[in-house]
Amino acid sequence: MEEDILICYCNEVYKSTIVQAIKEKNLKTVEEVGQETGAGEVCGQCQDDIQVLLDQVQAES
């Protein structure tokens, strides 16, 4: 089993939470992920990582 990675340190949002939200809510943008999970909403440093996750999930479907 893959280790869950902390993506957003400001709001303590993990990779699994972000991926689950992307899949369940059909999220398409970093902004949508932020609204749904809080990730990327404070300092914005993790927004590139969120975009990578969005790209990965979209490529899988």
N, C-alpha and C. Protein backbone atom coordinates (compact mmCIF):
# COMPACT_ATOMS: atom_id res chain seq x y z
N MET A 1 0.85 -1.19 0.00
CA MET A 1 0.00 0.00 0.00
C MET A 1 0.88 1.24 0.00
N GLU A 2 0.51 2.19 -0.82
CA GLU A 2 1.27 3.43 -0.96
C GLU A 2 1.12 4.30 0.29
N GLU A 3 2.22 4.94 0.66
CA GLU A 3 2.19 5.84 1.81
C GLU A 3 1.41 7.11 1.47
N ASP A 4 0.56 7.55 2.39
CA ASP A 4 -0.19 8.77 2.17
C ASP A 4 0.73 9.97 2.43
N ILE A 5 0.76 10.89 1.50
CA ILE A 5 1.68 12.02 1.55
C ILE A 5 0.92 13.29 1.92
N LEU A 6 1.50 14.06 2.82
CA LEU A 6 0.93 15.36 3.18
C LEU A 6 1.24 16.33 2.05
N ILE A 7 0.21 16.83 1.39
CA ILE A 7 0.38 17.74 0.26
C ILE A 7 0.32 19.19 0.73
N CYS A 8 -0.71 19.51 1.48
CA CYS A 8 -0.91 20.89 1.95
C CYS A 8 -0.58 20.95 3.45
N TYR A 9 0.56 21.56 3.74
CA TYR A 9 1.01 21.64 5.13
C TYR A 9 0.19 22.66 5.92
N CYS A 10 -0.24 23.72 5.28
CA CYS A 10 -0.99 24.78 5.99
C CYS A 10 -2.31 24.25 6.56
N ASN A 11 -3.03 23.45 5.75
CA ASN A 11 -4.33 22.94 6.18
C ASN A 11 -4.31 21.44 6.45
N GLU A 12 -3.13 20.85 6.43
CA GLU A 12 -2.94 19.43 6.71
C GLU A 12 -3.87 18.55 5.86
N VAL A 13 -3.74 18.68 4.55
CA VAL A 13 -4.55 17.90 3.61
C VAL A 13 -3.64 16.88 2.93
N TYR A 14 -4.04 15.63 3.00
CA TYR A 14 -3.24 14.53 2.46
C TYR A 14 -3.63 14.20 1.02
N LYS A 15 -2.70 13.54 0.33
CA LYS A 15 -2.90 13.12 -1.06
C LYS A 15 -4.19 12.33 -1.21
N SER A 16 -4.45 11.39 -0.31
CA SER A 16 -5.64 10.54 -0.44
C SER A 16 -6.92 11.36 -0.41
N THR A 17 -6.94 12.40 0.42
CA THR A 17 -8.12 13.27 0.52
C THR A 17 -8.33 14.02 -0.79
N ILE A 18 -7.25 14.52 -1.35
CA ILE A 18 -7.34 15.29 -2.60
C ILE A 18 -7.77 14.38 -3.75
N VAL A 19 -7.15 13.22 -3.87
CA VAL A 19 -7.49 12.29 -4.95
C VAL A 19 -8.94 11.83 -4.83
N GLN A 20 -9.37 11.54 -3.63
CA GLN A 20 -10.76 11.12 -3.41
C GLN A 20 -11.73 12.23 -3.83
N ALA A 21 -11.43 13.45 -3.46
CA ALA A 21 -12.30 14.58 -3.82
C ALA A 21 -12.34 14.78 -5.34
N ILE A 22 -11.19 14.67 -5.99
CA ILE A 22 -11.13 14.82 -7.45
C ILE A 22 -12.02 13.78 -8.12
N LYS A 23 -11.91 12.53 -7.65
CA LYS A 23 -12.68 11.45 -8.27
C LYS A 23 -14.17 11.55 -7.96
N GLU A 24 -14.53 11.81 -6.71
CA GLU A 24 -15.94 11.81 -6.31
C GLU A 24 -16.70 13.03 -6.83
N LYS A 25 -16.02 14.18 -6.87
CA LYS A 25 -16.70 15.43 -7.26
C LYS A 25 -16.37 15.85 -8.68
N ASN A 26 -15.55 15.02 -9.38
CA ASN A 26 -15.16 15.33 -10.76
C ASN A 26 -14.53 16.72 -10.87
N LEU A 27 -13.59 17.00 -9.97
CA LEU A 27 -12.94 18.31 -9.94
C LEU A 27 -11.95 18.41 -11.08
N LYS A 28 -11.84 19.62 -11.65
CA LYS A 28 -11.00 19.83 -12.83
C LYS A 28 -9.89 20.85 -12.62
N THR A 29 -9.98 21.70 -11.58
CA THR A 29 -9.00 22.77 -11.39
C THR A 29 -8.46 22.77 -9.97
N VAL A 30 -7.31 23.42 -9.81
CA VAL A 30 -6.70 23.59 -8.49
C VAL A 30 -7.65 24.37 -7.59
N GLU A 31 -8.33 25.34 -8.16
CA GLU A 31 -9.27 26.15 -7.38
C GLU A 31 -10.43 25.31 -6.84
N GLU A 32 -10.95 24.42 -7.67
CA GLU A 32 -12.02 23.54 -7.22
C GLU A 32 -11.56 22.62 -6.10
N VAL A 33 -10.34 22.11 -6.22
CA VAL A 33 -9.78 21.26 -5.17
C VAL A 33 -9.67 22.06 -3.87
N GLY A 34 -9.22 23.30 -3.98
CA GLY A 34 -9.10 24.16 -2.81
C GLY A 34 -10.43 24.42 -2.14
N GLN A 35 -11.44 24.69 -2.93
CA GLN A 35 -12.77 24.95 -2.38
C GLN A 35 -13.32 23.72 -1.67
N GLU A 36 -13.03 22.55 -2.21
CA GLU A 36 -13.58 21.30 -1.68
C GLU A 36 -12.80 20.79 -0.46
N THR A 37 -11.46 20.95 -0.48
CA THR A 37 -10.62 20.33 0.55
C THR A 37 -9.88 21.33 1.43
N GLY A 38 -9.74 22.56 0.96
CA GLY A 38 -8.94 23.56 1.68
C GLY A 38 -7.48 23.56 1.25
N ALA A 39 -7.08 22.58 0.46
CA ALA A 39 -5.68 22.49 0.01
C ALA A 39 -5.35 23.63 -0.94
N GLY A 40 -4.21 24.26 -0.72
CA GLY A 40 -3.76 25.34 -1.60
C GLY A 40 -4.40 26.68 -1.34
N GLU A 41 -5.17 26.79 -0.28
CA GLU A 41 -5.92 28.01 -0.02
C GLU A 41 -5.18 29.02 0.85
N VAL A 42 -4.07 28.63 1.49
CA VAL A 42 -3.39 29.55 2.40
C VAL A 42 -2.18 30.18 1.71
N CYS A 43 -1.08 29.44 1.61
CA CYS A 43 0.13 30.03 1.03
C CYS A 43 0.27 29.73 -0.47
N GLY A 44 -0.42 28.69 -0.95
CA GLY A 44 -0.39 28.35 -2.37
C GLY A 44 0.81 27.54 -2.81
N GLN A 45 1.71 27.22 -1.91
CA GLN A 45 2.93 26.51 -2.28
C GLN A 45 2.65 25.10 -2.82
N CYS A 46 1.56 24.50 -2.44
CA CYS A 46 1.26 23.13 -2.87
C CYS A 46 0.42 23.08 -4.15
N GLN A 47 0.11 24.21 -4.73
CA GLN A 47 -0.77 24.21 -5.90
C GLN A 47 -0.19 23.45 -7.08
N ASP A 48 1.12 23.47 -7.26
CA ASP A 48 1.73 22.69 -8.35
C ASP A 48 1.54 21.20 -8.11
N ASP A 49 1.67 20.78 -6.84
CA ASP A 49 1.47 19.37 -6.50
C ASP A 49 0.01 18.96 -6.73
N ILE A 50 -0.91 19.85 -6.42
CA ILE A 50 -2.33 19.58 -6.65
C ILE A 50 -2.59 19.41 -8.15
N GLN A 51 -1.96 20.25 -8.96
CA GLN A 51 -2.13 20.15 -10.41
C GLN A 51 -1.61 18.81 -10.93
N VAL A 52 -0.50 18.35 -10.38
CA VAL A 52 0.05 17.04 -10.77
C VAL A 52 -0.96 15.94 -10.45
N LEU A 53 -1.57 16.00 -9.27
CA LEU A 53 -2.58 15.00 -8.89
C LEU A 53 -3.78 15.07 -9.83
N LEU A 54 -4.22 16.28 -10.15
CA LEU A 54 -5.34 16.43 -11.10
C LEU A 54 -5.00 15.77 -12.44
N ASP A 55 -3.79 16.04 -12.94
CA ASP A 55 -3.37 15.47 -14.21
C ASP A 55 -3.32 13.95 -14.15
N GLN A 56 -2.82 13.41 -13.04
CA GLN A 56 -2.72 11.95 -12.90
C GLN A 56 -4.10 11.30 -12.88
N VAL A 57 -5.02 11.87 -12.11
CA VAL A 57 -6.36 11.29 -12.01
C VAL A 57 -7.08 11.39 -13.35
N GLN A 58 -6.94 12.52 -14.03
CA GLN A 58 -7.60 12.69 -15.33
C GLN A 58 -7.02 11.75 -16.37
N ALA A 59 -5.72 11.46 -16.29
CA ALA A 59 -5.08 10.55 -17.23
C ALA A 59 -5.55 9.11 -17.01
N GLU A 60 -5.90 8.77 -15.76
CA GLU A 60 -6.37 7.42 -15.43
C GLU A 60 -7.78 7.15 -15.95
N SER A 61 -8.56 8.21 -16.08
CA SER A 61 -9.97 8.00 -16.47
C SER A 61 -10.18 8.08 -17.95
